[in-house]
Structures are given as C-alpha cells and as structure tokens.
C-alpha atoms as a PDB file:
ATOM      1  CA  UNK A   1     -18.470  24.386  -0.772  1.00  0.00           C
ATOM      2  CA  UNK A   2     -19.634  25.846  -3.537  1.00  0.00           C
ATOM      3  CA  UNK A   3     -18.354  24.265  -6.571  1.00  0.00           C
ATOM      4  CA  UNK A   4     -20.514  25.693  -9.319  1.00  0.00           C
ATOM      5  CA  UNK A   5     -24.209  24.344  -9.239  1.00  0.00           C
ATOM      6  CA  UNK A   6     -23.401  22.469  -5.938  1.00  0.00           C
ATOM      7  CA  UNK A   7     -21.201  19.942  -4.860  1.00  0.00           C
ATOM      8  CA  UNK A   8     -22.007  17.823  -7.704  1.00  0.00           C
ATOM      9  CA  UNK A   9     -18.981  16.020  -9.227  1.00  0.00           C
ATOM     10  CA  UNK A  10     -20.336  13.878 -11.703  1.00  0.00           C
ATOM     11  CA  UNK A  11     -23.472  14.487 -14.514  1.00  0.00           C
ATOM     12  CA  UNK A  12     -26.148  12.742 -12.157  1.00  0.00           C
ATOM     13  CA  UNK A  13     -29.811  14.181 -12.681  1.00  0.00           C
ATOM     14  CA  UNK A  14     -31.485  15.364  -9.600  1.00  0.00           C
ATOM     15  CA  UNK A  15     -33.659  13.351  -7.529  1.00  0.00           C
ATOM     16  CA  UNK A  16     -36.844  14.142  -5.932  1.00  0.00           C
ATOM     17  CA  UNK A  17     -37.929  11.435  -3.441  1.00  0.00           C
ATOM     18  CA  UNK A  18     -40.238  12.434  -0.731  1.00  0.00           C
ATOM     19  CA  UNK A  19     -40.716  10.000   2.488  1.00  0.00           C
ATOM     20  CA  UNK A  20     -37.960   7.893   1.309  1.00  0.00           C
ATOM     21  CA  UNK A  21     -38.613   4.362   2.102  1.00  0.00           C
ATOM     22  CA  UNK A  22     -35.126   2.581   2.887  1.00  0.00           C
ATOM     23  CA  UNK A  23     -34.207  -0.918   3.762  1.00  0.00           C
ATOM     24  CA  UNK A  24     -31.417  -0.480   6.748  1.00  0.00           C
ATOM     25  CA  UNK A  25     -29.152  -3.069   8.890  1.00  0.00           C
ATOM     26  CA  UNK A  26     -29.666  -3.002  12.842  1.00  0.00           C
ATOM     27  CA  UNK A  27     -28.309  -5.104  15.575  1.00  0.00           C
ATOM     28  CA  UNK A  28     -31.388  -6.394  17.547  1.00  0.00           C
ATOM     29  CA  UNK A  29     -29.657  -8.060  20.282  1.00  0.00           C
ATOM     30  CA  UNK A  30     -26.169  -8.055  21.500  1.00  0.00           C
ATOM     31  CA  UNK A  31     -23.598 -10.909  20.182  1.00  0.00           C
ATOM     32  CA  UNK A  32     -21.938 -11.909  16.945  1.00  0.00           C
ATOM     33  CA  UNK A  33     -23.309 -10.957  13.438  1.00  0.00           C
ATOM     34  CA  UNK A  34     -25.883 -13.942  13.735  1.00  0.00           C
ATOM     35  CA  UNK A  35     -27.900 -10.682  15.617  1.00  0.00           C
ATOM     36  CA  UNK A  36     -27.769  -8.136  12.853  1.00  0.00           C
ATOM     37  CA  UNK A  37     -31.277  -7.883  11.128  1.00  0.00           C
ATOM     38  CA  UNK A  38     -32.686  -5.968   7.883  1.00  0.00           C
ATOM     39  CA  UNK A  39     -35.155  -3.712   8.779  1.00  0.00           C
ATOM     40  CA  UNK A  40     -37.787  -1.606   6.400  1.00  0.00           C
ATOM     41  CA  UNK A  41     -38.807   1.908   7.370  1.00  0.00           C
ATOM     42  CA  UNK A  42     -39.268   5.249   5.986  1.00  0.00           C
ATOM     43  CA  UNK A  43     -36.947   8.831   6.478  1.00  0.00           C
ATOM     44  CA  UNK A  44     -39.453  12.161   6.618  1.00  0.00           C
ATOM     45  CA  UNK A  45     -38.651  14.975   4.568  1.00  0.00           C
ATOM     46  CA  UNK A  46     -35.464  16.934   5.859  1.00  0.00           C
ATOM     47  CA  UNK A  47     -35.981  19.146   9.095  1.00  0.00           C
ATOM     48  CA  UNK A  48     -33.811  22.325   9.624  1.00  0.00           C
ATOM     49  CA  UNK A  49     -30.343  21.483   8.805  1.00  0.00           C
ATOM     50  CA  UNK A  50     -30.735  18.170   7.061  1.00  0.00           C
ATOM     51  CA  UNK A  51     -29.737  16.811   3.918  1.00  0.00           C
ATOM     52  CA  UNK A  52     -31.951  13.410   2.718  1.00  0.00           C
ATOM     53  CA  UNK A  53     -29.119  11.282   0.717  1.00  0.00           C
ATOM     54  CA  UNK A  54     -29.969   8.134  -1.283  1.00  0.00           C
ATOM     55  CA  UNK A  55     -27.003   5.971  -0.525  1.00  0.00           C
ATOM     56  CA  UNK A  56     -24.837   4.358  -2.954  1.00  0.00           C
ATOM     57  CA  UNK A  57     -22.500   2.300  -0.668  1.00  0.00           C
ATOM     58  CA  UNK A  58     -21.385   2.283   3.340  1.00  0.00           C
ATOM     59  CA  UNK A  59     -18.260   1.828   4.757  1.00  0.00           C
ATOM     60  CA  UNK A  60     -17.839  -1.366   7.431  1.00  0.00           C
ATOM     61  CA  UNK A  61     -15.230  -0.601  10.574  1.00  0.00           C
ATOM     62  CA  UNK A  62     -14.164  -2.537  13.501  1.00  0.00           C
ATOM     63  CA  UNK A  63     -16.049  -0.257  15.982  1.00  0.00           C
ATOM     64  CA  UNK A  64     -19.291  -1.424  14.087  1.00  0.00           C
ATOM     65  CA  UNK A  65     -19.241  -5.125  15.344  1.00  0.00           C
ATOM     66  CA  UNK A  66     -17.980  -3.646  18.772  1.00  0.00           C
ATOM     67  CA  UNK A  67     -21.005  -1.742  19.218  1.00  0.00           C
ATOM     68  CA  UNK A  68     -23.198  -4.944  19.577  1.00  0.00           C
ATOM     69  CA  UNK A  69     -20.459  -7.506  20.485  1.00  0.00           C
ATOM     70  CA  UNK A  70     -20.870  -6.405  24.104  1.00  0.00           C
ATOM     71  CA  UNK A  71     -17.100  -4.773  24.103  1.00  0.00           C
ATOM     72  CA  UNK A  72     -18.777  -1.496  24.981  1.00  0.00           C
ATOM     73  CA  UNK A  73     -21.621  -2.710  27.422  1.00  0.00           C
ATOM     74  CA  UNK A  74     -24.403  -4.359  27.111  1.00  0.00           C
ATOM     75  CA  UNK A  75     -27.471  -2.024  27.857  1.00  0.00           C
ATOM     76  CA  UNK A  76     -30.556  -3.420  26.486  1.00  0.00           C
ATOM     77  CA  UNK A  77     -31.998  -0.001  26.326  1.00  0.00           C
ATOM     78  CA  UNK A  78     -29.568   1.065  23.669  1.00  0.00           C
ATOM     79  CA  UNK A  79     -31.158  -1.539  21.309  1.00  0.00           C
ATOM     80  CA  UNK A  80     -31.954  -1.587  18.430  1.00  0.00           C
ATOM     81  CA  UNK A  81     -28.342  -0.394  17.206  1.00  0.00           C
ATOM     82  CA  UNK A  82     -28.290   1.621  14.165  1.00  0.00           C
ATOM     83  CA  UNK A  83     -24.968   0.780  12.437  1.00  0.00           C
ATOM     84  CA  UNK A  84     -22.571   2.673  10.029  1.00  0.00           C
ATOM     85  CA  UNK A  85     -20.269   5.836  10.573  1.00  0.00           C
ATOM     86  CA  UNK A  86     -19.748   6.610   6.787  1.00  0.00           C
ATOM     87  CA  UNK A  87     -21.303   6.492   3.560  1.00  0.00           C
ATOM     88  CA  UNK A  88     -21.496   7.817  -0.061  1.00  0.00           C
ATOM     89  CA  UNK A  89     -24.406   8.815  -2.197  1.00  0.00           C
ATOM     90  CA  UNK A  90     -26.748  11.486  -3.734  1.00  0.00           C
ATOM     91  CA  UNK A  91     -28.282  14.222  -2.175  1.00  0.00           C
ATOM     92  CA  UNK A  92     -32.030  14.093  -3.048  1.00  0.00           C
ATOM     93  CA  UNK A  93     -33.267  16.861  -0.668  1.00  0.00           C
ATOM     94  CA  UNK A  94     -31.944  19.657   1.382  1.00  0.00           C
ATOM     95  CA  UNK A  95     -34.457  21.931   3.994  1.00  0.00           C
ATOM     96  CA  UNK A  96     -33.249  25.219   2.400  1.00  0.00           C
ATOM     97  CA  UNK A  97     -29.641  26.840   1.242  1.00  0.00           C
ATOM     98  CA  UNK A  98     -27.579  24.673   3.572  1.00  0.00           C
ATOM     99  CA  UNK A  99     -23.764  24.747   3.625  1.00  0.00           C
ATOM    100  CA  UNK A 100     -21.361  22.060   4.495  1.00  0.00           C
ATOM    101  CA  UNK A 101     -17.930  22.035   5.095  1.00  0.00           C
ATOM    102  CA  UNK A 102     -16.830  21.950   1.658  1.00  0.00           C
ATOM    103  CA  UNK A 103     -19.433  24.851   0.892  1.00  0.00           C
ATOM    104  CA  UNK A 104     -23.101  24.806  -0.556  1.00  0.00           C
ATOM    105  CA  UNK A 105     -25.270  21.577  -0.505  1.00  0.00           C
ATOM    106  CA  UNK A 106     -27.558  21.040  -3.660  1.00  0.00           C
ATOM    107  CA  UNK A 107     -29.928  18.379  -5.017  1.00  0.00           C
ATOM    108  CA  UNK A 108     -28.008  15.705  -7.040  1.00  0.00           C
ATOM    109  CA  UNK A 109     -24.657  16.257  -5.329  1.00  0.00           C
ATOM    110  CA  UNK A 110     -22.288  13.241  -4.834  1.00  0.00           C
ATOM    111  CA  UNK A 111     -21.469  13.600  -1.289  1.00  0.00           C
ATOM    112  CA  UNK A 112     -19.753  11.570   1.578  1.00  0.00           C
ATOM    113  CA  UNK A 113     -21.356  11.590   4.929  1.00  0.00           C
ATOM    114  CA  UNK A 114     -18.936  11.582   8.000  1.00  0.00           C
ATOM    115  CA  UNK A 115     -19.628  10.770  10.779  1.00  0.00           C
ATOM    116  CA  UNK A 116     -23.085   9.504   9.710  1.00  0.00           C
ATOM    117  CA  UNK A 117     -25.668   7.673  12.096  1.00  0.00           C
ATOM    118  CA  UNK A 118     -27.069   4.464  10.603  1.00  0.00           C
ATOM    119  CA  UNK A 119     -24.976   4.674   7.417  1.00  0.00           C
ATOM    120  CA  UNK A 120     -25.972   0.829   6.949  1.00  0.00           C
ATOM    121  CA  UNK A 121     -28.890   1.905   4.753  1.00  0.00           C
ATOM    122  CA  UNK A 122     -30.374   2.739   1.124  1.00  0.00           C
ATOM    123  CA  UNK A 123     -30.887   6.252   2.620  1.00  0.00           C
ATOM    124  CA  UNK A 124     -29.780   8.760   4.957  1.00  0.00           C
ATOM    125  CA  UNK A 125     -30.694  11.780   7.039  1.00  0.00           C
ATOM    126  CA  UNK A 126     -27.840  13.844   8.138  1.00  0.00           C
ATOM    127  CA  UNK A 127     -26.987  17.268   9.337  1.00  0.00           C
ATOM    128  CA  UNK A 128     -25.308  19.806   6.848  1.00  0.00           C
ATOM    129  CA  UNK A 129     -21.949  19.497   8.973  1.00  0.00           C
ATOM    130  CA  UNK A 130     -21.249  15.756   7.841  1.00  0.00           C
ATOM    131  CA  UNK A 131     -21.913  16.251   3.947  1.00  0.00           C
ATOM    132  CA  UNK A 132     -18.879  16.806   2.225  1.00  0.00           C
ATOM    133  CA  UNK A 133     -18.110  16.968  -1.417  1.00  0.00           C
ATOM    134  CA  UNK A 134     -17.153  13.521  -3.404  1.00  0.00           C
ATOM    135  CA  UNK A 135     -14.093  13.797  -5.372  1.00  0.00           C
ATOM    136  CA  UNK A 136     -14.720  12.973  -9.143  1.00  0.00           C
ATOM    137  CA  UNK A 137     -12.420  10.545  -9.205  1.00  0.00           C
ATOM    138  CA  UNK A 138     -13.509   8.115  -6.568  1.00  0.00           C
ATOM    139  CA  UNK A 139     -16.146   5.353  -6.884  1.00  0.00           C
ATOM    140  CA  UNK A 140     -18.798   5.603  -4.385  1.00  0.00           C
ATOM    141  CA  UNK A 141     -17.442   2.436  -2.809  1.00  0.00           C
ATOM    142  CA  UNK A 142     -14.278   4.520  -2.627  1.00  0.00           C
ATOM    143  CA  UNK A 143     -15.300   7.494  -0.983  1.00  0.00           C
ATOM    144  CA  UNK A 144     -17.774   5.747   1.594  1.00  0.00           C
ATOM    145  CA  UNK A 145     -14.499   3.695   3.278  1.00  0.00           C
ATOM    146  CA  UNK A 146     -12.130   7.354   3.038  1.00  0.00           C
ATOM    147  CA  UNK A 147     -13.029   8.867   6.117  1.00  0.00           C
ATOM    148  CA  UNK A 148     -12.968   6.758   9.292  1.00  0.00           C
ATOM    149  CA  UNK A 149      -9.692   5.143   8.432  1.00  0.00           C
ATOM    150  CA  UNK A 150      -8.474   8.560   6.908  1.00  0.00           C
ATOM    151  CA  UNK A 151      -9.306  10.712  10.056  1.00  0.00           C
ATOM    152  CA  UNK A 152      -7.541   8.316  12.402  1.00  0.00           C
ATOM    153  CA  UNK A 153      -4.712   7.822  10.400  1.00  0.00           C
ATOM    154  CA  UNK A 154      -4.268  11.767  10.503  1.00  0.00           C
ATOM    155  CA  UNK A 155      -5.048  11.899  13.882  1.00  0.00           C
ATOM    156  CA  UNK A 156      -1.835   9.240  14.343  1.00  0.00           C
ATOM    157  CA  UNK A 157       0.178  11.128  12.560  1.00  0.00           C
ATOM    158  CA  UNK A 158      -0.142  14.557  14.016  1.00  0.00           C
ATOM    159  CA  UNK A 159       0.369  12.975  17.781  1.00  0.00           C
ATOM    160  CA  UNK A 160       3.343  11.280  17.067  1.00  0.00           C
ATOM    161  CA  UNK A 161       4.848  14.634  15.046  1.00  0.00           C
ATOM    162  CA  UNK A 162       5.688  12.709  12.095  1.00  0.00           C
ATOM    163  CA  UNK A 163       6.885  15.105   9.713  1.00  0.00           C
ATOM    164  CA  UNK A 164       9.644  15.165   6.969  1.00  0.00           C
ATOM    165  CA  UNK A 165      12.842  13.575   7.928  1.00  0.00           C
ATOM    166  CA  UNK A 166      11.499  11.532  10.143  1.00  0.00           C
ATOM    167  CA  UNK A 167      11.671   7.594  10.392  1.00  0.00           C
ATOM    168  CA  UNK A 168       8.374   6.552  11.318  1.00  0.00           C
ATOM    169  CA  UNK A 169       7.637   2.690  12.438  1.00  0.00           C
ATOM    170  CA  UNK A 170       3.955   1.587  11.504  1.00  0.00           C
ATOM    171  CA  UNK A 171       2.638  -1.722  13.304  1.00  0.00           C
ATOM    172  CA  UNK A 172      -0.115  -3.162  11.099  1.00  0.00           C
ATOM    173  CA  UNK A 173       0.966  -1.153   8.004  1.00  0.00           C
ATOM    174  CA  UNK A 174      -1.292  -3.281   5.377  1.00  0.00           C
ATOM    175  CA  UNK A 175      -4.543  -2.814   7.581  1.00  0.00           C
ATOM    176  CA  UNK A 176      -7.307  -0.216   7.367  1.00  0.00           C
ATOM    177  CA  UNK A 177      -5.679   2.317   8.964  1.00  0.00           C
ATOM    178  CA  UNK A 178      -2.453   1.402   8.140  1.00  0.00           C
ATOM    179  CA  UNK A 179      -2.505   1.908   4.843  1.00  0.00           C
ATOM    180  CA  UNK A 180      -4.122   5.566   4.948  1.00  0.00           C
ATOM    181  CA  UNK A 181      -1.247   6.328   7.234  1.00  0.00           C
ATOM    182  CA  UNK A 182       1.767   5.171   5.169  1.00  0.00           C
ATOM    183  CA  UNK A 183       0.180   6.977   2.237  1.00  0.00           C
ATOM    184  CA  UNK A 184      -0.243  10.184   3.758  1.00  0.00           C
ATOM    185  CA  UNK A 185       3.383   9.834   5.818  1.00  0.00           C
ATOM    186  CA  UNK A 186       5.094   9.136   2.398  1.00  0.00           C
ATOM    187  CA  UNK A 187       3.471  12.266   0.440  1.00  0.00           C
ATOM    188  CA  UNK A 188       4.725  14.236   3.214  1.00  0.00           C
ATOM    189  CA  UNK A 189       8.674  13.034   3.323  1.00  0.00           C
ATOM    190  CA  UNK A 190       8.482  10.534   5.916  1.00  0.00           C
ATOM    191  CA  UNK A 191      10.586   7.376   5.809  1.00  0.00           C
ATOM    192  CA  UNK A 192       8.171   4.613   6.699  1.00  0.00           C
ATOM    193  CA  UNK A 193       8.917   1.159   8.015  1.00  0.00           C
ATOM    194  CA  UNK A 194       5.939  -0.926   8.165  1.00  0.00           C
ATOM    195  CA  UNK A 195       5.344  -4.424   9.697  1.00  0.00           C
ATOM    196  CA  UNK A 196       2.791  -6.577   7.665  1.00  0.00           C
ATOM    197  CA  UNK A 197       2.372 -10.262   6.692  1.00  0.00           C
ATOM    198  CA  UNK A 198       4.777 -11.330   3.729  1.00  0.00           C
ATOM    199  CA  UNK A 199       1.962 -11.641   1.867  1.00  0.00           C
ATOM    200  CA  UNK A 200       1.255  -7.763   1.979  1.00  0.00           C
ATOM    201  CA  UNK A 201       4.719  -6.433   1.283  1.00  0.00           C
ATOM    202  CA  UNK A 202       4.686  -5.854  -2.352  1.00  0.00           C
ATOM    203  CA  UNK A 203       1.703  -3.713  -1.970  1.00  0.00           C
ATOM    204  CA  UNK A 204       3.320  -1.692   1.054  1.00  0.00           C
ATOM    205  CA  UNK A 205       6.685  -1.287  -1.348  1.00  0.00           C
ATOM    206  CA  UNK A 206       4.521  -0.250  -4.085  1.00  0.00           C
ATOM    207  CA  UNK A 207       3.308   2.766  -1.416  1.00  0.00           C
ATOM    208  CA  UNK A 208       7.170   3.772  -0.874  1.00  0.00           C
ATOM    209  CA  UNK A 209       7.076   1.590   2.655  1.00  0.00           C
ATOM    210  CA  UNK A 210       9.851  -0.299   3.888  1.00  0.00           C
ATOM    211  CA  UNK A 211       8.368  -3.691   4.853  1.00  0.00           C
ATOM    212  CA  UNK A 212       9.285  -6.150   7.512  1.00  0.00           C
ATOM    213  CA  UNK A 213       7.549  -9.005   8.835  1.00  0.00           C
ATOM    214  CA  UNK A 214       6.663  -9.448  12.617  1.00  0.00           C
ATOM    215  CA  UNK A 215       7.607 -11.968  14.739  1.00  0.00           C
ATOM    216  CA  UNK A 216      10.655 -13.145  16.561  1.00  0.00           C
ATOM    217  CA  UNK A 217      13.658 -10.512  15.556  1.00  0.00           C
ATOM    218  CA  UNK A 218      11.668  -7.516  14.468  1.00  0.00           C
ATOM    219  CA  UNK A 219      13.811  -5.443  16.686  1.00  0.00           C
ATOM    220  CA  UNK A 220      16.948  -6.339  14.785  1.00  0.00           C
ATOM    221  CA  UNK A 221      15.408  -5.985  11.223  1.00  0.00           C
ATOM    222  CA  UNK A 222      14.120  -2.892  11.810  1.00  0.00           C
ATOM    223  CA  UNK A 223      17.752  -1.759  13.586  1.00  0.00           C
ATOM    224  CA  UNK A 224      19.218  -3.067  10.301  1.00  0.00           C
ATOM    225  CA  UNK A 225      16.982  -0.867   8.172  1.00  0.00           C
ATOM    226  CA  UNK A 226      17.400   2.032  10.543  1.00  0.00           C
ATOM    227  CA  UNK A 227      20.852   1.815  12.253  1.00  0.00           C
ATOM    228  CA  UNK A 228      20.749   5.696  13.069  1.00  0.00           C
ATOM    229  CA  UNK A 229      17.017   5.029  14.808  1.00  0.00           C
ATOM    230  CA  UNK A 230      13.579   5.244  14.726  1.00  0.00           C
ATOM    231  CA  UNK A 231      11.820   8.770  15.568  1.00  0.00           C
ATOM    232  CA  UNK A 232       8.156   7.680  16.088  1.00  0.00           C
ATOM    233  CA  UNK A 233       6.117   4.596  16.196  1.00  0.00           C
ATOM    234  CA  UNK A 234       2.280   4.161  15.429  1.00  0.00           C
ATOM    235  CA  UNK A 235       0.551   0.888  17.024  1.00  0.00           C
ATOM    236  CA  UNK A 236      -2.343  -0.530  15.057  1.00  0.00           C
ATOM    237  CA  UNK A 237      -2.601  -3.914  16.329  1.00  0.00           C
ATOM    238  CA  UNK A 238      -2.463  -3.731  19.844  1.00  0.00           C
ATOM    239  CA  UNK A 239      -0.112  -6.461  20.347  1.00  0.00           C
ATOM    240  CA  UNK A 240       2.587  -6.832  23.323  1.00  0.00           C
ATOM    241  CA  UNK A 241       5.125  -6.977  20.313  1.00  0.00           C
ATOM    242  CA  UNK A 242       4.098  -3.634  18.938  1.00  0.00           C
ATOM    243  CA  UNK A 243       4.477  -1.811  22.412  1.00  0.00           C
ATOM    244  CA  UNK A 244       7.526  -3.482  23.425  1.00  0.00           C
ATOM    245  CA  UNK A 245       9.438  -2.992  20.209  1.00  0.00           C
ATOM    246  CA  UNK A 246       8.155   0.797  19.848  1.00  0.00           C
ATOM    247  CA  UNK A 247       9.417   1.255  23.241  1.00  0.00           C
ATOM    248  CA  UNK A 248      12.797   0.080  22.495  1.00  0.00           C
ATOM    249  CA  UNK A 249      13.205   2.140  19.647  1.00  0.00           C
ATOM    250  CA  UNK A 250      12.120   5.636  20.193  1.00  0.00           C
ATOM    251  CA  UNK A 251      13.558   7.448  22.528  1.00  0.00           C
ATOM    252  CA  UNK A 252      10.783   9.886  23.474  1.00  0.00           C
ATOM    253  CA  UNK A 253       8.001   8.108  24.436  1.00  0.00           C
ATOM    254  CA  UNK A 254       5.638  11.127  23.475  1.00  0.00           C
ATOM    255  CA  UNK A 255       6.104  10.311  19.832  1.00  0.00           C
ATOM    256  CA  UNK A 256       4.705   6.979  20.102  1.00  0.00           C
ATOM    257  CA  UNK A 257       0.739   6.420  19.978  1.00  0.00           C
ATOM    258  CA  UNK A 258      -1.886   3.058  19.755  1.00  0.00           C
ATOM    259  CA  UNK A 259      -5.361   3.205  18.631  1.00  0.00           C
ATOM    260  CA  UNK A 260      -5.738  -0.038  20.465  1.00  0.00           C
ATOM    261  CA  UNK A 261      -4.713   1.223  24.202  1.00  0.00           C
ATOM    262  CA  UNK A 262      -3.849  -1.763  26.688  1.00  0.00           C
ATOM    263  CA  UNK A 263      -2.697  -2.059  29.993  1.00  0.00           C
ATOM    264  CA  UNK A 264       0.951  -2.586  28.482  1.00  0.00           C
ATOM    265  CA  UNK A 265       0.795   0.874  26.295  1.00  0.00           C
ATOM    266  CA  UNK A 266      -0.621   2.547  29.384  1.00  0.00           C
ATOM    267  CA  UNK A 267       2.366   1.582  31.834  1.00  0.00           C
ATOM    268  CA  UNK A 268       4.915   2.406  29.140  1.00  0.00           C
ATOM    269  CA  UNK A 269       3.891   5.857  28.416  1.00  0.00           C
ATOM    270  CA  UNK A 270       2.055   5.579  25.251  1.00  0.00           C
ATOM    271  CA  UNK A 271      -0.132   7.858  24.119  1.00  0.00           C
ATOM    272  CA  UNK A 272      -3.730   6.501  23.515  1.00  0.00           C
ATOM    273  CA  UNK A 273      -6.021   7.445  20.778  1.00  0.00           C
ATOM    274  CA  UNK A 274      -9.478   7.322  19.917  1.00  0.00           C
ATOM    275  CA  UNK A 275     -12.875   6.643  21.975  1.00  0.00           C
ATOM    276  CA  UNK A 276     -11.744   4.257  24.786  1.00  0.00           C
ATOM    277  CA  UNK A 277     -11.082   5.265  28.407  1.00  0.00           C
ATOM    278  CA  UNK A 278      -8.399   7.967  29.087  1.00  0.00           C
ATOM    279  CA  UNK A 279      -8.145   8.237  25.188  1.00  0.00           C
ATOM    280  CA  UNK A 280      -7.609  11.546  23.093  1.00  0.00           C
ATOM    281  CA  UNK A 281     -10.399  11.620  20.971  1.00  0.00           C
ATOM    282  CA  UNK A 282      -8.570  14.081  18.755  1.00  0.00           C
ATOM    283  CA  UNK A 283     -12.260  15.625  17.790  1.00  0.00           C
ATOM    284  CA  UNK A 284     -10.939  18.806  16.186  1.00  0.00           C
ATOM    285  CA  UNK A 285      -8.082  17.128  14.448  1.00  0.00           C
ATOM    286  CA  UNK A 286     -10.536  14.742  13.180  1.00  0.00           C
ATOM    287  CA  UNK A 287     -13.146  16.844  12.006  1.00  0.00           C
ATOM    288  CA  UNK A 288     -10.281  19.429  10.114  1.00  0.00           C
ATOM    289  CA  UNK A 289      -9.124  16.197   8.638  1.00  0.00           C
ATOM    290  CA  UNK A 290     -11.933  15.175   6.474  1.00  0.00           C
ATOM    291  CA  UNK A 291     -11.110  18.133   3.823  1.00  0.00           C
ATOM    292  CA  UNK A 292      -7.572  17.040   4.131  1.00  0.00           C
ATOM    293  CA  UNK A 293      -8.491  13.944   3.091  1.00  0.00           C
ATOM    294  CA  UNK A 294     -10.475  14.705   0.234  1.00  0.00           C
ATOM    295  CA  UNK A 295      -7.814  17.429  -1.358  1.00  0.00           C
ATOM    296  CA  UNK A 296      -5.299  14.365  -0.965  1.00  0.00           C
ATOM    297  CA  UNK A 297      -7.589  12.172  -3.083  1.00  0.00           C
ATOM    298  CA  UNK A 298      -7.811  14.875  -5.597  1.00  0.00           C
ATOM    299  CA  UNK A 299      -4.360  15.431  -5.822  1.00  0.00           C
ATOM    300  CA  UNK A 300      -3.390  11.724  -6.418  1.00  0.00           C
ATOM    301  CA  UNK A 301      -1.246  10.940  -3.545  1.00  0.00           C
ATOM    302  CA  UNK A 302      -4.273   8.905  -1.496  1.00  0.00           C
ATOM    303  CA  UNK A 303      -6.555   6.074  -2.425  1.00  0.00           C
ATOM    304  CA  UNK A 304      -8.805   3.691  -0.706  1.00  0.00           C
ATOM    305  CA  UNK A 305      -8.254   0.020  -1.324  1.00  0.00           C
ATOM    306  CA  UNK A 306     -11.334  -2.183  -1.383  1.00  0.00           C
ATOM    307  CA  UNK A 307     -10.735  -5.551   0.071  1.00  0.00           C
ATOM    308  CA  UNK A 308     -14.249  -6.742  -0.730  1.00  0.00           C
ATOM    309  CA  UNK A 309     -17.967  -5.612  -1.127  1.00  0.00           C
ATOM    310  CA  UNK A 310     -21.215  -7.207   0.038  1.00  0.00           C
ATOM    311  CA  UNK A 311     -24.967  -6.346  -0.713  1.00  0.00           C
ATOM    312  CA  UNK A 312     -26.666  -4.459   2.242  1.00  0.00           C
ATOM    313  CA  UNK A 313     -28.487  -7.344   3.368  1.00  0.00           C
ATOM    314  CA  UNK A 314     -25.539  -9.523   3.480  1.00  0.00           C
ATOM    315  CA  UNK A 315     -23.970  -7.462   6.310  1.00  0.00           C
ATOM    316  CA  UNK A 316     -23.657 -10.230   8.710  1.00  0.00           C
ATOM    317  CA  UNK A 317     -21.358 -12.045   6.456  1.00  0.00           C
ATOM    318  CA  UNK A 318     -19.314  -8.690   6.018  1.00  0.00           C
ATOM    319  CA  UNK A 319     -18.939  -8.578   9.719  1.00  0.00           C
ATOM    320  CA  UNK A 320     -17.684 -12.110   9.802  1.00  0.00           C
ATOM    321  CA  UNK A 321     -14.604 -11.326   7.157  1.00  0.00           C
ATOM    322  CA  UNK A 322     -14.467  -7.745   8.973  1.00  0.00           C
ATOM    323  CA  UNK A 323     -13.946  -9.507  12.571  1.00  0.00           C
ATOM    324  CA  UNK A 324     -11.736 -12.118  11.253  1.00  0.00           C
ATOM    325  CA  UNK A 325      -9.087  -9.184  11.196  1.00  0.00           C
ATOM    326  CA  UNK A 326      -7.462 -10.081   7.808  1.00  0.00           C
ATOM    327  CA  UNK A 327      -9.149  -7.907   5.283  1.00  0.00           C
ATOM    328  CA  UNK A 328      -6.463  -5.594   3.768  1.00  0.00           C
ATOM    329  CA  UNK A 329      -8.390  -2.730   2.560  1.00  0.00           C
ATOM    330  CA  UNK A 330     -11.959  -1.717   3.321  1.00  0.00           C
ATOM    331  CA  UNK A 331     -15.093  -3.921   3.310  1.00  0.00           C
ATOM    332  CA  UNK A 332     -18.140  -2.328   1.825  1.00  0.00           C
ATOM    333  CA  UNK A 333     -21.872  -2.544   1.665  1.00  0.00           C
ATOM    334  CA  UNK A 334     -23.930  -1.995  -1.511  1.00  0.00           C
ATOM    335  CA  UNK A 335     -27.660  -1.091  -0.912  1.00  0.00           C
END
C-alpha cells in the first residue's frame, strides 16, 4: 500500500502510546440501548500482524443494535458484546513490517479499519488485513462510515449485474446503503429510479437519481418514468411493497436482490444478500470492494453523508436514533 512514507494522508505526527488505556462501549445484556455500558480497559502492544490504532471516529450500523436486541439469539455466554465493525483513526504502533490491502502500514498513518471488532472504542487492535489508507479528502467521521454500507452497496450492484445502460430500481434510496448504491450506479452509467420520502427527493436528484414516493400507486409512477421497463431492482427496506413492485417490473428475477430477506422475497425467487440464513454473504466481493470504495472517493464520485455525530459515551442515544430508522446518512460516534 505503500504510498511513500506509509499510508499517511495528512501531516500527523507519529504516536507512541504503549499499553493504550481505552474507553469502549459494550452490550452487557440483551435488550434495548439501555443495556449499553461504557467500560475502561487497556490494550496490549500489538502482536504479530497486528496494528494499534487511536480511533478518531466509529461508524454505527443497524447490525450493531441487532446483535444485542436478541434478533440473532440471546446466548448469555456471548456477553458482553463488543460493538462496532468500522472505524477511522491513526496508527500508533505496528508489529514489524506489515502490509495491508493498500500497502505498507506505518506509525502516524491515517487509516480506515474494516472489518473491525469492537470499533466503539478510543483505541483498537486490528489485523493488518483490515487496515486501509484513509483518503486525504475525507474527514475521520466520513471515513468511519464508508465501508460497511459501501461494500453492501457494491455487493448488491454486482448481484443484480447492474451496469451502464440498465434501468435500476432502488427501494430505500435515501438510506445508508441506498445513498452509496445510487452514487456508484450513476457514476457507472446506470439509470437509477429510487424510492424515498418527499423530504429526501431533492438530495437524490442532486445525485442523478430519479426519485419516486413509495406507497399506493408506486408501480404506476415507476412505469410512467420508465415505460420501456426496469431491468434490475435492489430492495433495501424489506417491505412487501418493495418485493411485489420489483417482481412486477423486473422480468428476470435473478436481477432482483434484497438485503432484508423475508418469506415474501424468498418465495418470489429474490436473491438474499448478507448474513442471514441462506443469504449470499459475498465475502470475496465485499473484501475486494474496500479498495474500490477508496478509489471512488479519491476520484470524487462517492461521498459519505453524515446524519449525526455523538460522543462515544452517548452510544445509547445514537442507537435510539439509529433504530428509529429515519437517519438519512451515517450516525457516527466520536471517542
């Protein structure tokens, strides 16, 4: 990854923080955001193939609260649950000469960590394979929210074979994954029709999307926009409407994908993506997508929209907003 001098993308002085004392957020029980606890601990020096990072921002995602809500089970032996899969920060220690996906990693580098374990923290030990160069044009807050929604969006676009010349329908175009998917698709020459509330339509238009309001009459509104048809569809909301409209409009059901699988989607032959039972995890696609996302940011065709930031110790409040489902952009925690 070696950009001369390591990954550094800004003039940040090297750090040397042995036995880093950190603050982190864990779920101490199963339930709602009230089960989140702030704990103090220390990180050891990095072992072989490990990098120690001072976290400047951590991205939140719906999967984070689902882990402790009981949606994926409530085995008490898994408690406490360290939360957070993505972060951005500064390398403070490296165990020897290490290469990450972007090249050599050096102390002082500004980096993105994905996939991380326990990213809701002021410090993080990560394998080198999860440490990537942060684009210099991004703030730490933006960088911490790039990866999880971004790799999910690329996976969905690849699964539906959406390429230049296609007309793609995106349900939930103004959500976290939706905003990533529509930017990438438009940049690649795809015509994008996106469902969203009235309040989000101007933003979508600014990104090159043709927005439509969801609800009664959706099929007719889309047919009016695309009388020659829709060639692919991505469901990011998991509603019966999204499945039914997609199936009615897309001739080839192999070109319909959902990240919120349901009995309705599976019975209609819709591809399920992600970590659910029977879903395509897309491990290789998502891993490779990390460098693609960085390239697109550096080229200026992709940006991260920040809906809100919270101090790390207010993670419970951040999760209440996240769980409400109305955040049009990323919710970020700041240690």
